[in-house]
Amino acid sequence: MVRVIITYDRIRVEEKALQRAGESLGADVRLIDVKDSFIDITKGEVNPEVLKGDVVIQRCVGHFRSLYLTAILESVGVPVINPFYATLICGDKLLTTLALRRAGVPTPKTIVAFTRDGALKALEEVGYPAILKPVVGSWGRLVSLIKDVETAKVVLEHRELLHPLYQIFYVQEFIKKPDRDIRCFVVGEEAIAAIYRYAAPGEWRSNTALGGRAVKMEMNDELREVSIKAAKAVGAHVVGVDCLESERGLLVHELNSVTEFRNAAPATGVDIAKKIMEYAIKLAKK
């Protein structure tokens, strides 16, 4: 029997759905809260015992917790969904943009600056309105719609008071699009489902974590192609690919290596947890 370890730091609908799906497929599924764990990284073997499995599905919300735990597990030969490199790249918007560009995946115009003055020049270059994002972060937090130079000065002043990582100024063009974006779920080399995400009333960001509404999208060839290409660009096994509809076609702007699907599964009718678990079991048997 294949043993699947699901590591987490916050139990959510997705982790429970994965456990049920794995058990329905005959796997031995263990949910492990990593906040309770400590690991001797000099042993050269999987420890503690509860982390021993044929494959690990990494579901930690904390990016760095997820990243370093994956590094430890891979160092002793355990396959992890997703691999260290994919987690590293997907967790950093700047590195994601570089990987997508190298792979020829279309993205919004993006300029990076390292000082307040540089960021103001970047915003002038991109043109107002523009989007200012932290390079690391999720759920739309600290993503700012900058409508003019006065707003920019205030936001940048606040940024200067934060951790140095927030002073890597990632400036992206504002894409004129319908009042929605797209998330496509890729498992292995297959795009399995997609949703439109509509922003909640009074909110310009469409993240479902911010109240955004999920509606089934019928996938087309363009979405499948660009999403699978984006997943390959970062080496991800399972990933949520966020796209914007533009006059230039679909533009990929973010990838999520620990993607949430609690709203997408009922909206699309696709058992996303089962798809992921089938892939995990197949990976464990290789």
Foldseek 3Di string as FASTA:
>chain_A
DFEEEEEEQDDDPLVVLLVVLLVVVVYRYHYHHCVPDDDDLVPLADDDPSPDGLAYEYQYPDLVVSLVVLVSCVSSPHHYFWHNQLSVQQQFLVSLVVLCVVLVQFAFDKDKDQALVRLLVVCVVLDPQKWKDQRGDDPCPLIDGRGDSVSSVVSRVVQVVDDSSSSGTIIGHDADAPQWKKKWKDAAQWGQFMWTWHCDPPDSDRRVSNVTATAGDDDDPLVSVSVSSSCVSRRGRIKIWIWTQHPVGIHTRHIGSNDDCPRVCVNHVDSVSNSNSVSRVVVSVD
